[in-house]
Amino acid sequence: MNRRSLILSAVAAIALSGAVLTTVPSVVMAGDADGFVAHDPYLRSSTPSSKSGAAFLELTNNSGQDDRLVGARSPLEGMIELHTHEQDANGVMRMREIEGGVVIPAGETHKFMRGGDHLMFMGMTAPLEQGQEIAVTLIFEKAGEVEIIVPVDQDRKPDHGSMSN
């Protein structure tokens, strides 16, 4: 049984058993049963009327080769850029676009988190609603386009749901 079939079987078994999962990672397949896995993705805006928001997740590269996340898009109005925070000479944190994308080496996980790298949604014309699910297409240099579902969680605290290794 390949990995994808195993995952689908496990999800079906859980659903049939009536068990409730509070955190289910989005599984992202790039080409075959190996690829990328997005752990604990979520999206939030700074205020209900914000024209921007940020998505956070941990992205693991199981593809067997180094790859680079070069962009993302969603059906929401506006655009998504890969952003990071940097401290300037005066100690002030500033956000900027990541030029050239984010390298994710084979077998490693890259954290997109508050105060660091994240997916920046800009130019949104409608507010994000708690519990809403947003399809996001991640664009990789080698793996191509893969889609994940990112839930809106406006109540998430900075460290809630973070994975420790």
N, C-alpha and C. Protein backbone atom coordinates (compact mmCIF):
# COMPACT_ATOMS: atom_id res chain seq x y z
N MET A 1 0.86 -1.16 0.00
CA MET A 1 0.00 0.00 0.00
C MET A 1 0.90 1.23 0.00
N ASN A 2 0.68 2.16 -0.92
CA ASN A 2 1.52 3.35 -0.94
C ASN A 2 1.10 4.32 0.14
N ARG A 3 1.91 5.32 0.38
CA ARG A 3 1.70 6.26 1.47
C ARG A 3 0.39 7.01 1.33
N ARG A 4 0.04 7.42 0.14
CA ARG A 4 -1.21 8.17 -0.07
C ARG A 4 -2.42 7.30 0.28
N SER A 5 -2.41 6.03 -0.16
CA SER A 5 -3.51 5.12 0.15
C SER A 5 -3.61 4.89 1.64
N LEU A 6 -2.46 4.77 2.30
CA LEU A 6 -2.44 4.57 3.74
C LEU A 6 -3.06 5.76 4.47
N ILE A 7 -2.70 6.96 4.05
CA ILE A 7 -3.24 8.17 4.67
C ILE A 7 -4.75 8.26 4.45
N LEU A 8 -5.19 8.01 3.22
CA LEU A 8 -6.62 8.07 2.93
C LEU A 8 -7.39 7.01 3.71
N SER A 9 -6.82 5.82 3.87
CA SER A 9 -7.46 4.77 4.66
C SER A 9 -7.56 5.17 6.12
N ALA A 10 -6.52 5.77 6.64
CA ALA A 10 -6.53 6.20 8.04
C ALA A 10 -7.57 7.28 8.28
N VAL A 11 -7.66 8.24 7.36
CA VAL A 11 -8.66 9.31 7.48
C VAL A 11 -10.06 8.72 7.43
N ALA A 12 -10.30 7.79 6.53
CA ALA A 12 -11.62 7.15 6.42
C ALA A 12 -11.95 6.38 7.69
N ALA A 13 -10.98 5.67 8.25
CA ALA A 13 -11.22 4.90 9.47
C ALA A 13 -11.57 5.81 10.64
N ILE A 14 -10.87 6.92 10.75
CA ILE A 14 -11.16 7.88 11.82
C ILE A 14 -12.55 8.47 11.64
N ALA A 15 -12.88 8.85 10.41
CA ALA A 15 -14.20 9.43 10.15
C ALA A 15 -15.31 8.45 10.49
N LEU A 16 -15.14 7.19 10.13
CA LEU A 16 -16.15 6.17 10.41
C LEU A 16 -16.25 5.85 11.89
N SER A 17 -15.17 6.03 12.64
CA SER A 17 -15.19 5.71 14.06
C SER A 17 -15.86 6.80 14.89
N GLY A 18 -16.08 7.96 14.28
CA GLY A 18 -16.70 9.07 15.01
C GLY A 18 -15.70 9.86 15.84
N ALA A 19 -14.43 9.55 15.73
CA ALA A 19 -13.42 10.28 16.50
C ALA A 19 -13.31 11.70 15.98
N VAL A 20 -12.95 12.59 16.87
CA VAL A 20 -12.80 14.00 16.50
C VAL A 20 -11.33 14.36 16.60
N LEU A 21 -10.80 14.90 15.55
CA LEU A 21 -9.41 15.37 15.56
C LEU A 21 -9.44 16.88 15.67
N THR A 22 -8.66 17.45 16.58
CA THR A 22 -8.64 18.89 16.72
C THR A 22 -7.63 19.53 15.79
N THR A 23 -6.58 18.83 15.45
CA THR A 23 -5.57 19.37 14.55
C THR A 23 -5.22 18.29 13.54
N VAL A 24 -5.58 18.52 12.30
CA VAL A 24 -5.24 17.58 11.23
C VAL A 24 -4.37 18.34 10.24
N PRO A 25 -3.13 17.91 10.04
CA PRO A 25 -2.29 18.63 9.09
C PRO A 25 -2.81 18.43 7.67
N SER A 26 -2.65 19.45 6.85
CA SER A 26 -2.98 19.31 5.44
C SER A 26 -1.87 18.52 4.78
N VAL A 27 -2.20 17.53 4.01
CA VAL A 27 -1.20 16.73 3.32
C VAL A 27 -1.08 17.25 1.90
N VAL A 28 0.11 17.57 1.49
CA VAL A 28 0.36 18.11 0.18
C VAL A 28 1.17 17.10 -0.60
N MET A 29 0.65 16.61 -1.70
CA MET A 29 1.38 15.66 -2.51
C MET A 29 1.93 16.36 -3.76
N ALA A 30 3.15 16.12 -4.05
CA ALA A 30 3.76 16.71 -5.24
C ALA A 30 4.20 15.58 -6.16
N GLY A 31 3.33 15.18 -7.04
CA GLY A 31 3.68 14.18 -8.04
C GLY A 31 3.36 12.76 -7.65
N ASP A 32 3.82 12.30 -6.48
CA ASP A 32 3.55 10.93 -6.06
C ASP A 32 3.32 10.91 -4.56
N ALA A 33 3.46 9.77 -3.93
CA ALA A 33 3.16 9.65 -2.51
C ALA A 33 4.15 10.42 -1.64
N ASP A 34 5.29 10.76 -2.17
CA ASP A 34 6.23 11.60 -1.44
C ASP A 34 6.08 13.02 -1.97
N GLY A 35 6.42 13.98 -1.17
CA GLY A 35 6.29 15.37 -1.60
C GLY A 35 6.45 16.30 -0.42
N PHE A 36 5.51 17.17 -0.24
CA PHE A 36 5.54 18.16 0.83
C PHE A 36 4.37 17.93 1.76
N VAL A 37 4.60 18.17 3.05
CA VAL A 37 3.53 18.08 4.04
C VAL A 37 3.46 19.43 4.74
N ALA A 38 2.27 20.02 4.75
CA ALA A 38 2.03 21.29 5.44
C ALA A 38 1.41 20.97 6.79
N HIS A 39 2.11 21.30 7.86
CA HIS A 39 1.64 21.04 9.22
C HIS A 39 0.97 22.29 9.80
N ASP A 40 -0.22 22.12 10.35
CA ASP A 40 -0.91 23.14 11.12
C ASP A 40 -1.00 24.50 10.43
N PRO A 41 -1.46 24.56 9.18
CA PRO A 41 -1.58 25.86 8.52
C PRO A 41 -2.74 26.66 9.10
N TYR A 42 -2.58 27.98 9.18
CA TYR A 42 -3.69 28.86 9.54
C TYR A 42 -3.44 30.25 8.98
N LEU A 43 -4.52 31.00 8.84
CA LEU A 43 -4.49 32.33 8.23
C LEU A 43 -5.23 33.27 9.15
N ARG A 44 -4.71 34.48 9.32
CA ARG A 44 -5.40 35.48 10.11
C ARG A 44 -5.07 36.87 9.61
N SER A 45 -5.96 37.82 9.92
CA SER A 45 -5.71 39.21 9.60
C SER A 45 -5.52 39.96 10.92
N SER A 46 -4.96 41.17 10.84
CA SER A 46 -4.70 41.90 12.07
C SER A 46 -5.98 42.49 12.67
N THR A 47 -6.94 42.85 11.82
CA THR A 47 -8.24 43.34 12.28
C THR A 47 -9.31 42.80 11.34
N PRO A 48 -10.58 42.79 11.77
CA PRO A 48 -11.64 42.29 10.89
C PRO A 48 -11.75 43.02 9.55
N SER A 49 -11.38 44.30 9.51
CA SER A 49 -11.50 45.06 8.27
C SER A 49 -10.19 45.19 7.50
N SER A 50 -9.15 44.46 7.92
CA SER A 50 -7.84 44.54 7.26
C SER A 50 -7.91 44.14 5.79
N LYS A 51 -7.07 44.78 5.01
CA LYS A 51 -6.91 44.44 3.60
C LYS A 51 -5.76 43.46 3.41
N SER A 52 -5.15 43.05 4.54
CA SER A 52 -4.04 42.10 4.47
C SER A 52 -4.19 41.05 5.56
N GLY A 53 -3.46 39.96 5.37
CA GLY A 53 -3.46 38.87 6.34
C GLY A 53 -2.19 38.07 6.15
N ALA A 54 -1.96 37.13 7.04
CA ALA A 54 -0.76 36.31 6.95
C ALA A 54 -1.10 34.86 7.25
N ALA A 55 -0.45 33.96 6.51
CA ALA A 55 -0.63 32.53 6.73
C ALA A 55 0.67 31.98 7.31
N PHE A 56 0.49 31.03 8.24
CA PHE A 56 1.60 30.41 8.93
C PHE A 56 1.45 28.89 8.84
N LEU A 57 2.55 28.18 8.76
CA LEU A 57 2.55 26.73 8.67
C LEU A 57 3.97 26.22 8.79
N GLU A 58 4.11 24.92 8.93
CA GLU A 58 5.41 24.27 8.85
C GLU A 58 5.37 23.38 7.62
N LEU A 59 6.32 23.57 6.72
CA LEU A 59 6.33 22.87 5.44
C LEU A 59 7.52 21.92 5.39
N THR A 60 7.22 20.61 5.33
CA THR A 60 8.25 19.58 5.31
C THR A 60 8.44 19.05 3.90
N ASN A 61 9.70 18.97 3.47
CA ASN A 61 10.04 18.49 2.13
C ASN A 61 10.42 17.02 2.21
N ASN A 62 9.49 16.15 1.78
CA ASN A 62 9.75 14.71 1.72
C ASN A 62 9.97 14.24 0.28
N SER A 63 10.28 15.16 -0.61
CA SER A 63 10.38 14.84 -2.04
C SER A 63 11.67 14.13 -2.42
N GLY A 64 12.67 14.17 -1.53
CA GLY A 64 13.94 13.53 -1.87
C GLY A 64 14.91 14.44 -2.60
N GLN A 65 14.48 15.68 -2.88
CA GLN A 65 15.38 16.63 -3.53
C GLN A 65 15.11 18.03 -2.98
N ASP A 66 16.15 18.84 -2.93
CA ASP A 66 15.98 20.23 -2.51
C ASP A 66 15.01 20.91 -3.47
N ASP A 67 14.22 21.81 -2.95
CA ASP A 67 13.29 22.56 -3.80
C ASP A 67 13.16 23.97 -3.23
N ARG A 68 12.51 24.82 -3.97
CA ARG A 68 12.35 26.22 -3.58
C ARG A 68 10.90 26.62 -3.75
N LEU A 69 10.29 27.15 -2.68
CA LEU A 69 8.96 27.74 -2.77
C LEU A 69 9.13 29.13 -3.37
N VAL A 70 8.58 29.34 -4.56
CA VAL A 70 8.80 30.61 -5.26
C VAL A 70 7.57 31.51 -5.27
N GLY A 71 6.41 31.00 -4.85
CA GLY A 71 5.23 31.84 -4.82
C GLY A 71 4.02 31.09 -4.32
N ALA A 72 2.91 31.81 -4.27
CA ALA A 72 1.63 31.22 -3.84
C ALA A 72 0.51 32.08 -4.39
N ARG A 73 -0.68 31.47 -4.49
CA ARG A 73 -1.85 32.23 -4.91
C ARG A 73 -3.09 31.58 -4.30
N SER A 74 -4.17 32.33 -4.29
CA SER A 74 -5.44 31.82 -3.77
C SER A 74 -6.57 32.50 -4.51
N PRO A 75 -7.80 31.98 -4.35
CA PRO A 75 -8.93 32.63 -5.02
C PRO A 75 -9.35 33.94 -4.36
N LEU A 76 -8.76 34.30 -3.21
CA LEU A 76 -9.06 35.59 -2.59
C LEU A 76 -8.59 36.71 -3.51
N GLU A 77 -9.30 37.81 -3.49
CA GLU A 77 -8.84 38.99 -4.25
C GLU A 77 -7.47 39.41 -3.72
N GLY A 78 -6.68 40.00 -4.57
CA GLY A 78 -5.36 40.47 -4.15
C GLY A 78 -4.27 39.50 -4.53
N MET A 79 -3.17 39.55 -3.78
CA MET A 79 -2.01 38.72 -4.11
C MET A 79 -1.36 38.19 -2.84
N ILE A 80 -0.50 37.19 -3.04
CA ILE A 80 0.26 36.62 -1.93
C ILE A 80 1.75 36.78 -2.25
N GLU A 81 2.50 37.27 -1.27
CA GLU A 81 3.95 37.34 -1.39
C GLU A 81 4.57 36.56 -0.26
N LEU A 82 5.76 36.03 -0.49
CA LEU A 82 6.55 35.40 0.56
C LEU A 82 7.26 36.53 1.29
N HIS A 83 7.03 36.65 2.60
CA HIS A 83 7.60 37.74 3.40
C HIS A 83 8.39 37.21 4.57
N THR A 84 9.24 38.08 5.11
CA THR A 84 9.97 37.81 6.33
C THR A 84 10.07 39.09 7.14
N HIS A 85 10.52 38.98 8.38
CA HIS A 85 10.79 40.13 9.24
C HIS A 85 12.30 40.21 9.45
N GLU A 86 12.82 41.43 9.42
CA GLU A 86 14.24 41.65 9.70
C GLU A 86 14.37 42.83 10.63
N GLN A 87 15.38 42.78 11.47
CA GLN A 87 15.65 43.89 12.37
C GLN A 87 16.62 44.84 11.68
N ASP A 88 16.28 46.15 11.66
CA ASP A 88 17.18 47.12 11.03
C ASP A 88 18.24 47.58 12.03
N ALA A 89 19.11 48.48 11.61
CA ALA A 89 20.22 48.94 12.43
C ALA A 89 19.75 49.61 13.72
N ASN A 90 18.53 50.13 13.74
CA ASN A 90 17.98 50.79 14.93
C ASN A 90 17.19 49.83 15.82
N GLY A 91 17.19 48.55 15.49
CA GLY A 91 16.47 47.58 16.29
C GLY A 91 14.99 47.47 15.97
N VAL A 92 14.55 48.11 14.89
CA VAL A 92 13.15 48.09 14.50
C VAL A 92 12.90 46.92 13.54
N MET A 93 11.87 46.14 13.84
CA MET A 93 11.52 45.02 12.96
C MET A 93 10.76 45.55 11.75
N ARG A 94 11.18 45.12 10.58
CA ARG A 94 10.54 45.53 9.33
C ARG A 94 10.22 44.29 8.51
N MET A 95 9.08 44.35 7.81
CA MET A 95 8.67 43.24 6.95
C MET A 95 9.14 43.55 5.53
N ARG A 96 9.57 42.50 4.83
CA ARG A 96 9.98 42.67 3.43
C ARG A 96 9.69 41.39 2.66
N GLU A 97 9.59 41.53 1.33
CA GLU A 97 9.40 40.37 0.47
C GLU A 97 10.69 39.57 0.40
N ILE A 98 10.56 38.25 0.34
CA ILE A 98 11.73 37.37 0.19
C ILE A 98 12.01 37.24 -1.30
N GLU A 99 13.10 37.81 -1.74
CA GLU A 99 13.48 37.75 -3.15
C GLU A 99 13.99 36.35 -3.49
N GLY A 100 13.51 35.77 -4.58
CA GLY A 100 14.01 34.48 -5.05
C GLY A 100 13.40 33.26 -4.39
N GLY A 101 12.50 33.45 -3.42
CA GLY A 101 11.82 32.33 -2.81
C GLY A 101 12.53 31.76 -1.60
N VAL A 102 11.99 30.65 -1.08
CA VAL A 102 12.48 30.01 0.13
C VAL A 102 12.95 28.60 -0.21
N VAL A 103 14.23 28.34 0.00
CA VAL A 103 14.78 27.01 -0.24
C VAL A 103 14.35 26.10 0.91
N ILE A 104 13.84 24.91 0.54
CA ILE A 104 13.49 23.90 1.53
C ILE A 104 14.26 22.64 1.16
N PRO A 105 15.37 22.38 1.87
CA PRO A 105 16.18 21.21 1.56
C PRO A 105 15.42 19.90 1.76
N ALA A 106 15.80 18.88 1.02
CA ALA A 106 15.19 17.55 1.15
C ALA A 106 15.29 17.08 2.59
N GLY A 107 14.17 16.56 3.10
CA GLY A 107 14.15 16.00 4.44
C GLY A 107 14.05 17.02 5.55
N GLU A 108 13.92 18.29 5.23
CA GLU A 108 13.88 19.33 6.26
C GLU A 108 12.53 20.03 6.29
N THR A 109 12.30 20.76 7.37
CA THR A 109 11.06 21.51 7.57
C THR A 109 11.39 22.99 7.67
N HIS A 110 10.61 23.81 6.97
CA HIS A 110 10.75 25.27 7.07
C HIS A 110 9.54 25.81 7.79
N LYS A 111 9.76 26.63 8.80
CA LYS A 111 8.67 27.20 9.58
C LYS A 111 8.31 28.59 9.06
N PHE A 112 7.06 28.74 8.68
CA PHE A 112 6.50 30.03 8.33
C PHE A 112 5.71 30.46 9.57
N MET A 113 6.24 31.43 10.34
CA MET A 113 5.67 31.73 11.64
C MET A 113 5.67 33.24 11.91
N ARG A 114 4.90 33.61 12.91
CA ARG A 114 4.84 35.02 13.30
C ARG A 114 6.23 35.51 13.67
N GLY A 115 6.55 36.70 13.19
CA GLY A 115 7.86 37.29 13.46
C GLY A 115 8.95 36.76 12.57
N GLY A 116 8.61 35.88 11.63
CA GLY A 116 9.59 35.31 10.71
C GLY A 116 9.01 35.23 9.31
N ASP A 117 9.37 34.19 8.59
CA ASP A 117 8.84 34.01 7.24
C ASP A 117 7.34 33.69 7.32
N HIS A 118 6.58 34.17 6.36
CA HIS A 118 5.14 33.92 6.30
C HIS A 118 4.62 34.20 4.90
N LEU A 119 3.40 33.76 4.62
CA LEU A 119 2.73 34.08 3.36
C LEU A 119 1.89 35.31 3.61
N MET A 120 2.19 36.41 2.93
CA MET A 120 1.50 37.69 3.15
C MET A 120 0.42 37.88 2.10
N PHE A 121 -0.82 37.93 2.54
CA PHE A 121 -1.97 38.18 1.67
C PHE A 121 -2.21 39.68 1.65
N MET A 122 -2.20 40.29 0.47
CA MET A 122 -2.36 41.74 0.36
C MET A 122 -3.46 42.08 -0.65
N GLY A 123 -4.15 43.18 -0.37
CA GLY A 123 -5.18 43.65 -1.28
C GLY A 123 -6.49 42.89 -1.18
N MET A 124 -6.76 42.27 -0.03
CA MET A 124 -8.02 41.54 0.14
C MET A 124 -9.18 42.53 0.14
N THR A 125 -10.27 42.15 -0.50
CA THR A 125 -11.44 43.04 -0.59
C THR A 125 -12.57 42.62 0.34
N ALA A 126 -12.43 41.48 0.99
CA ALA A 126 -13.46 41.01 1.92
C ALA A 126 -12.76 40.53 3.20
N PRO A 127 -13.42 40.65 4.33
CA PRO A 127 -12.80 40.21 5.58
C PRO A 127 -12.67 38.69 5.65
N LEU A 128 -11.69 38.23 6.39
CA LEU A 128 -11.54 36.81 6.66
C LEU A 128 -12.51 36.45 7.78
N GLU A 129 -13.22 35.35 7.63
CA GLU A 129 -14.19 34.94 8.65
C GLU A 129 -13.69 33.71 9.39
N GLN A 130 -13.81 33.74 10.71
CA GLN A 130 -13.39 32.63 11.56
C GLN A 130 -13.95 31.32 11.02
N GLY A 131 -13.07 30.31 10.85
CA GLY A 131 -13.49 28.99 10.38
C GLY A 131 -13.54 28.84 8.87
N GLN A 132 -13.45 29.93 8.15
CA GLN A 132 -13.44 29.89 6.68
C GLN A 132 -12.22 29.07 6.24
N GLU A 133 -12.34 28.33 5.14
CA GLU A 133 -11.22 27.57 4.61
C GLU A 133 -10.82 28.15 3.26
N ILE A 134 -9.55 28.44 3.10
CA ILE A 134 -9.03 29.08 1.90
C ILE A 134 -8.11 28.11 1.17
N ALA A 135 -8.39 27.88 -0.10
CA ALA A 135 -7.49 27.07 -0.93
C ALA A 135 -6.28 27.94 -1.28
N VAL A 136 -5.09 27.41 -1.06
CA VAL A 136 -3.86 28.13 -1.38
C VAL A 136 -3.02 27.21 -2.25
N THR A 137 -2.59 27.72 -3.39
CA THR A 137 -1.70 26.98 -4.27
C THR A 137 -0.28 27.43 -4.00
N LEU A 138 0.55 26.49 -3.55
CA LEU A 138 1.97 26.76 -3.34
C LEU A 138 2.69 26.45 -4.65
N ILE A 139 3.60 27.31 -5.05
CA ILE A 139 4.30 27.15 -6.33
C ILE A 139 5.77 26.89 -6.04
N PHE A 140 6.21 25.68 -6.43
CA PHE A 140 7.58 25.25 -6.21
C PHE A 140 8.36 25.26 -7.51
N GLU A 141 9.65 25.49 -7.42
CA GLU A 141 10.53 25.50 -8.58
C GLU A 141 10.54 24.14 -9.28
N LYS A 142 10.63 23.04 -8.53
CA LYS A 142 10.71 21.71 -9.11
C LYS A 142 9.40 20.94 -9.03
N ALA A 143 8.74 20.99 -7.88
CA ALA A 143 7.51 20.21 -7.68
C ALA A 143 6.31 20.80 -8.41
N GLY A 144 6.42 22.06 -8.82
CA GLY A 144 5.30 22.70 -9.51
C GLY A 144 4.27 23.22 -8.52
N GLU A 145 3.01 23.13 -8.90
CA GLU A 145 1.93 23.68 -8.09
C GLU A 145 1.25 22.60 -7.27
N VAL A 146 1.10 22.87 -5.98
CA VAL A 146 0.37 21.97 -5.09
C VAL A 146 -0.57 22.80 -4.23
N GLU A 147 -1.74 22.25 -3.96
CA GLU A 147 -2.76 22.99 -3.22
C GLU A 147 -2.90 22.47 -1.80
N ILE A 148 -3.08 23.42 -0.88
CA ILE A 148 -3.41 23.09 0.50
C ILE A 148 -4.65 23.88 0.89
N ILE A 149 -5.30 23.47 1.94
CA ILE A 149 -6.43 24.20 2.50
C ILE A 149 -5.95 24.83 3.80
N VAL A 150 -6.16 26.14 3.92
CA VAL A 150 -5.71 26.88 5.09
C VAL A 150 -6.93 27.45 5.80
N PRO A 151 -7.19 27.00 7.03
CA PRO A 151 -8.33 27.55 7.78
C PRO A 151 -8.01 28.93 8.35
N VAL A 152 -9.04 29.76 8.42
CA VAL A 152 -8.91 31.07 9.06
C VAL A 152 -9.08 30.85 10.56
N ASP A 153 -8.10 31.31 11.34
CA ASP A 153 -8.16 31.22 12.80
C ASP A 153 -7.74 32.57 13.36
N GLN A 154 -8.73 33.44 13.53
CA GLN A 154 -8.47 34.80 14.02
C GLN A 154 -8.13 34.82 15.52
N ASP A 155 -8.43 33.73 16.23
CA ASP A 155 -8.23 33.70 17.68
C ASP A 155 -6.91 33.07 18.09
N ARG A 156 -6.15 32.55 17.13
CA ARG A 156 -4.90 31.83 17.43
C ARG A 156 -3.93 32.74 18.16
N LYS A 157 -3.40 32.25 19.24
CA LYS A 157 -2.37 32.96 19.99
C LYS A 157 -1.02 32.66 19.33
N PRO A 158 -0.01 33.53 19.52
CA PRO A 158 1.26 33.35 18.82
C PRO A 158 1.89 31.97 18.93
N ASP A 159 1.84 31.31 20.09
CA ASP A 159 2.49 30.01 20.24
C ASP A 159 1.53 28.85 20.15
N HIS A 160 0.22 29.10 20.00
CA HIS A 160 -0.77 28.03 19.97
C HIS A 160 -0.59 27.17 18.73
N GLY A 161 -0.51 25.88 18.94
CA GLY A 161 -0.43 24.96 17.81
C GLY A 161 0.95 24.79 17.23
N SER A 162 1.94 25.52 17.80
CA SER A 162 3.28 25.40 17.24
C SER A 162 3.84 24.03 17.58
N MET A 163 4.65 23.51 16.68
CA MET A 163 5.23 22.20 16.86
C MET A 163 6.64 22.38 17.40
N SER A 164 7.03 21.59 18.35
CA SER A 164 8.40 21.68 18.85
C SER A 164 9.16 20.44 18.43
N ASN A 165 10.38 20.64 18.05
CA ASN A 165 11.25 19.53 17.63
C ASN A 165 12.47 19.50 18.51
